[in-house]
Protein backbone atom coordinates (compact mmCIF):
# COMPACT_ATOMS: atom_id res chain seq x y z
CA MET A 1 -15.94 11.09 -20.05
CA ASN A 2 -18.46 12.25 -17.42
CA THR A 3 -21.44 10.02 -16.65
CA PRO A 4 -24.20 10.83 -14.14
CA ILE A 5 -24.61 8.21 -11.40
CA TYR A 6 -28.28 8.04 -12.26
CA PRO A 7 -30.33 6.87 -14.20
CA PRO A 8 -29.47 3.24 -13.38
CA ASP A 9 -29.49 2.09 -17.00
CA SER A 10 -26.40 4.13 -17.88
CA SER A 11 -23.43 2.21 -19.33
CA ALA A 12 -21.22 3.19 -16.39
CA ASP A 13 -23.80 1.84 -13.95
CA LEU A 14 -23.37 -1.59 -15.51
CA LEU A 15 -19.80 -1.46 -14.24
CA PHE A 16 -20.35 0.26 -10.90
CA LYS A 17 -23.48 -0.63 -8.98
CA PRO A 18 -25.01 1.80 -6.45
CA LYS A 19 -24.04 -0.52 -3.57
CA GLN A 20 -20.41 -0.47 -4.70
CA LEU A 21 -20.40 3.34 -4.92
CA ARG A 22 -22.01 3.65 -1.49
CA GLU A 23 -19.31 1.45 -0.01
CA LEU A 24 -16.70 3.59 -1.74
CA VAL A 25 -18.12 6.78 -0.18
CA ASN A 26 -18.43 5.17 3.26
CA GLY A 27 -14.79 4.09 3.00
CA VAL A 28 -13.66 7.73 3.07
CA PRO A 29 -13.01 8.39 6.80
CA TRP A 30 -14.62 11.83 6.94
CA LEU A 31 -17.69 10.60 5.00
CA SER A 32 -18.05 7.30 6.86
CA GLU A 33 -20.73 8.55 9.27
CA LEU A 34 -23.16 9.71 6.59
CA ASP A 35 -26.53 7.96 6.75
CA GLU A 36 -28.14 6.27 3.74
CA GLU A 37 -30.17 9.33 2.77
CA GLU A 38 -27.14 11.61 2.86
CA VAL A 39 -25.08 9.20 0.75
CA THR A 40 -27.92 9.01 -1.78
CA ALA A 41 -28.06 12.81 -2.03
CA LEU A 42 -24.28 12.96 -2.47
CA LEU A 43 -24.32 10.36 -5.24
CA GLN A 44 -27.15 12.14 -7.04
CA ASP A 45 -24.91 15.22 -7.30
CA SER A 46 -21.86 13.19 -8.32
CA GLU A 47 -20.50 11.93 -11.64
CA LEU A 48 -18.45 9.01 -12.88
CA GLN A 49 -15.39 9.95 -14.88
CA SER A 50 -13.26 7.69 -17.05
CA MET A 51 -9.65 8.51 -17.90
CA LYS A 52 -7.21 7.00 -20.36
CA THR A 53 -3.59 6.25 -19.53
CA ARG A 54 -1.56 9.47 -19.09
CA GLU A 55 -4.69 11.65 -19.17
CA TRP A 56 -4.81 14.52 -16.69
CA LEU A 57 -7.77 14.58 -14.31
CA PHE A 58 -6.99 18.14 -13.21
CA ARG A 59 -4.09 20.55 -13.28
CA GLN A 60 -2.41 22.48 -10.51
CA ASP A 61 -3.95 25.96 -9.91
CA ALA A 62 -7.16 25.10 -11.82
CA PRO A 63 -10.44 25.95 -10.02
CA ALA A 64 -11.29 23.11 -7.63
CA HIS A 65 -14.96 22.36 -8.20
CA TRP A 66 -14.71 18.62 -7.54
CA LEU A 67 -13.24 16.14 -5.09
CA TYR A 68 -12.54 12.62 -6.35
CA ILE A 69 -12.52 9.05 -5.08
CA VAL A 70 -10.57 6.52 -7.13
CA ILE A 71 -12.78 3.56 -8.10
CA ASN A 72 -10.09 1.62 -9.95
CA GLY A 73 -6.80 2.27 -11.69
CA ALA A 74 -4.11 4.57 -10.33
CA VAL A 75 -3.46 8.32 -10.30
CA ARG A 76 -0.14 10.12 -9.90
CA LEU A 77 -0.12 13.35 -7.91
CA ALA A 78 2.52 15.83 -9.05
CA ARG A 79 3.37 19.40 -8.13
CA SER A 80 5.11 21.87 -10.41
CA ALA A 81 8.17 23.62 -9.01
CA GLY A 82 9.15 27.17 -9.86
CA ASP A 83 11.23 25.99 -12.82
CA GLY A 84 8.28 24.13 -14.32
CA ARG A 85 9.48 20.61 -13.55
CA LEU A 86 6.96 18.18 -12.04
CA ALA A 87 7.78 16.39 -8.80
CA THR A 88 5.83 13.21 -8.04
CA ILE A 89 4.20 13.45 -4.61
CA ARG A 90 2.58 10.02 -4.41
CA CYS A 91 0.29 7.66 -6.26
CA VAL A 92 -3.35 7.01 -5.32
CA GLU A 93 -5.27 3.79 -5.96
CA ARG A 94 -8.73 2.37 -5.21
CA GLY A 95 -10.52 4.14 -2.37
CA GLY A 96 -8.03 7.00 -2.24
CA THR A 97 -9.19 10.61 -2.45
CA LEU A 98 -7.96 13.48 -4.61
CA GLY A 99 -8.32 17.24 -4.27
CA GLU A 100 -9.04 17.47 -0.56
CA LEU A 101 -6.32 20.06 0.05
CA SER A 102 -8.24 22.46 -2.18
CA MET A 103 -10.94 22.59 0.50
CA VAL A 104 -8.63 24.58 2.75
CA SER A 105 -7.10 26.68 -0.02
CA SER A 106 -8.25 30.30 0.18
CA ALA A 107 -7.89 30.53 -3.60
CA GLY A 108 -10.12 27.50 -4.13
CA VAL A 109 -7.70 25.84 -6.57
CA TYR A 110 -6.01 22.47 -6.83
CA LEU A 111 -2.60 22.48 -5.18
CA TYR A 112 -1.20 19.72 -7.40
CA SER A 113 -1.95 17.98 -10.71
CA ALA A 114 -3.42 14.48 -11.07
CA GLU A 115 -2.56 12.12 -13.95
CA ALA A 116 -3.96 8.65 -14.66
CA LEU A 117 -1.22 6.01 -14.78
CA ARG A 118 -3.50 3.54 -16.53
CA ARG A 119 -7.17 3.37 -17.47
CA THR A 120 -8.88 4.76 -14.39
CA HIS A 121 -12.39 5.50 -13.14
CA VAL A 122 -13.14 8.05 -10.43
CA LEU A 123 -16.22 9.27 -8.61
CA ALA A 124 -16.39 13.07 -8.85
CA ILE A 125 -18.12 14.73 -5.88
CA PRO A 126 -19.02 18.44 -5.91
CA ALA A 127 -16.72 20.28 -3.53
CA GLN A 128 -19.57 22.58 -2.48
CA HIS A 129 -21.68 19.61 -1.39
CA CYS A 130 -18.77 18.40 0.73
CA ARG A 131 -18.44 21.83 2.34
CA GLU A 132 -22.14 21.77 3.17
CA ILE A 133 -21.77 18.36 4.80
CA MET A 134 -18.93 19.62 7.00
CA ASP A 135 -20.91 22.73 7.91
CA ARG A 136 -23.81 20.56 9.09
CA GLN A 137 -21.76 17.85 10.77
CA PRO A 138 -18.94 18.90 13.11
CA ALA A 139 -17.80 15.27 13.42
CA CYS A 140 -17.18 15.09 9.66
CA ARG A 141 -15.30 18.37 9.77
CA ALA A 142 -13.15 17.19 12.68
CA GLU A 143 -12.29 13.93 10.90
CA PHE A 144 -11.53 15.86 7.70
CA MET A 145 -9.07 18.09 9.55
CA SER A 146 -7.55 15.06 11.25
CA ARG A 147 -6.94 13.45 7.85
CA LEU A 148 -5.34 16.64 6.54
CA ALA A 149 -3.03 16.72 9.56
CA LEU A 150 -2.05 13.12 8.84
CA GLU A 151 -1.42 13.98 5.19
CA LEU A 152 0.79 16.91 6.22
CA THR A 153 2.73 14.70 8.64
CA GLU A 154 3.37 12.11 5.92
CA ARG A 155 4.52 14.76 3.46
CA LEU A 156 6.89 16.20 6.09
CA GLU A 157 8.28 12.70 6.63
CA ASP A 158 8.76 12.40 2.88
CA LEU A 159 10.60 15.72 2.81
CA ALA A 160 12.87 14.67 5.67
CA LEU A 161 13.72 11.40 3.94
CA LEU A 162 14.35 13.01 0.57
CA THR A 163 16.70 15.60 2.02
CA GLN A 164 18.50 13.50 4.64
CA ALA A 165 18.23 9.77 3.93
CA ASP A 166 19.90 7.53 1.36
CA ALA A 167 18.00 5.62 -1.31
CA MET A 168 17.69 2.40 0.70
CA SER A 169 16.21 4.28 3.66
CA ARG A 170 13.64 5.92 1.42
CA LEU A 171 12.63 2.57 -0.04
CA VAL A 172 12.40 0.84 3.34
CA SER A 173 10.39 3.71 4.80
CA TYR A 174 7.96 3.46 1.88
CA ILE A 175 7.54 -0.31 2.32
CA LEU A 176 6.98 0.00 6.07
CA ARG A 177 4.33 2.67 5.56
CA GLN A 178 2.45 0.44 3.10
CA LEU A 179 2.23 -2.50 5.52
CA PRO A 180 -1.21 -3.36 6.91
CA ALA A 181 -1.85 -1.88 10.35
CA GLY A 182 -0.98 -3.96 13.41
CA ARG A 183 1.57 -6.69 13.90
CA SER A 184 1.25 -10.20 12.55
CA ARG A 185 3.25 -13.39 12.93
CA THR A 186 2.66 -14.18 9.28
CA PRO A 187 4.54 -12.39 6.49
CA ARG A 188 2.77 -9.23 5.39
CA VAL A 189 2.22 -8.27 1.80
CA VAL A 190 2.54 -4.93 -0.02
CA ARG A 191 1.11 -4.52 -3.51
CA LEU A 192 3.48 -2.78 -5.92
CA SER A 193 0.80 -2.02 -8.45
CA ILE A 194 2.01 1.34 -9.76
CA PRO A 195 4.58 1.40 -12.58
CA LYS A 196 8.12 1.06 -11.30
CA ARG A 197 9.27 4.30 -12.92
CA TRP A 198 6.64 6.29 -11.04
CA LEU A 199 7.43 4.61 -7.73
CA ALA A 200 11.09 5.40 -8.37
CA ALA A 201 10.20 9.03 -9.12
CA GLN A 202 8.18 9.23 -5.91
CA LEU A 203 11.22 7.96 -3.99
CA ALA A 204 13.63 10.30 -5.84
CA MET A 205 15.71 7.58 -7.48
CA THR A 206 16.10 6.00 -10.89
CA PRO A 207 14.18 2.83 -11.86
CA GLU A 208 17.55 1.07 -12.10
CA THR A 209 18.42 2.01 -8.51
CA LEU A 210 15.00 0.86 -7.32
CA SER A 211 15.44 -2.52 -9.03
CA ARG A 212 18.93 -2.91 -7.53
CA LEU A 213 17.76 -2.14 -4.00
CA LEU A 214 14.76 -4.48 -4.24
CA ALA A 215 17.09 -7.23 -5.49
CA LYS A 216 19.44 -6.57 -2.56
CA LEU A 217 16.62 -6.95 -0.04
CA ARG A 218 15.35 -10.06 -1.82
CA ASP A 219 18.79 -11.70 -1.94
CA GLY A 220 19.25 -10.94 1.75
CA GLY A 221 16.09 -12.85 2.65
CA VAL A 222 14.36 -9.66 3.81
CA ILE A 223 11.57 -9.62 1.24
CA GLY A 224 10.06 -11.85 -1.41
CA ILE A 225 8.83 -10.49 -4.73
CA ASP A 226 6.32 -12.19 -7.00
CA ARG A 227 5.25 -9.80 -9.75
CA GLN A 228 3.21 -7.10 -7.95
CA ARG A 229 3.35 -8.78 -4.54
CA LEU A 230 6.12 -7.79 -2.16
CA THR A 231 6.18 -9.99 0.95
CA VAL A 232 8.05 -8.80 4.03
CA LEU A 233 9.76 -11.95 5.32
CA ASP A 234 11.71 -10.33 8.16
CA GLU A 235 10.47 -6.95 9.36
CA GLN A 236 13.34 -6.43 11.80
CA LYS A 237 15.92 -7.01 9.06
CA LEU A 238 13.98 -4.58 6.90
CA ARG A 239 14.18 -1.92 9.60
CA ASP A 240 17.89 -2.67 10.10
CA ALA A 241 18.46 -2.01 6.40
CA MET A 242 17.65 1.65 7.06
CA LEU A 243 20.69 1.87 9.33
CA ALA A 244 23.11 0.14 6.97
CA ASP A 245 25.16 2.00 4.39
CA ASP A 246 23.74 1.75 0.88
């Protein structure tokens, strides 16, 4: 379902106030420097979209007319291999962006598919408006390219882990990358809010293997698990687990 941001009496607006949507836009690194007038213009061109569980937001190779920011829920990114099978790339939650790689695709198409893992709302921003912003503001363009470089680096790290590391190393690497930035003397928490089977698929293992490895770390006093909260109790032990045989 597509809903214009304006007028303010729309049903979607009762859920997502303009201030909330502005904060969402400003939270995207390469849009963070936009002034109030520019954010208003961007929102006027944007739409709210609602997706049901397992509904596809867009498909790989479809024309990329929109970029998206996740308002709530979760979206799985998957790419189709030559044999037609889908490989899970990663999962995106609140504040995450979708479709940015299409901005540098000469074909102007989405390079992966996006599927809602539960009821999800996204803010759809016209890709052309984003291109115009980057044309006018070199700082936005530079930050956009910096984010793409970071995305590429992370995907290369994923590839290296999937082809060289064992299952425990892949899990530990994932946990470490989800930790809040900086060091803290207090235990740090990671939210495991995506379904376990999709996290397992992202890490190239079965849900049963994922459960076994999490239990092993928990029993070893490395982590604590309380529903969707994973608490790192001993970061050094967690890092050491990458070096141990699974």
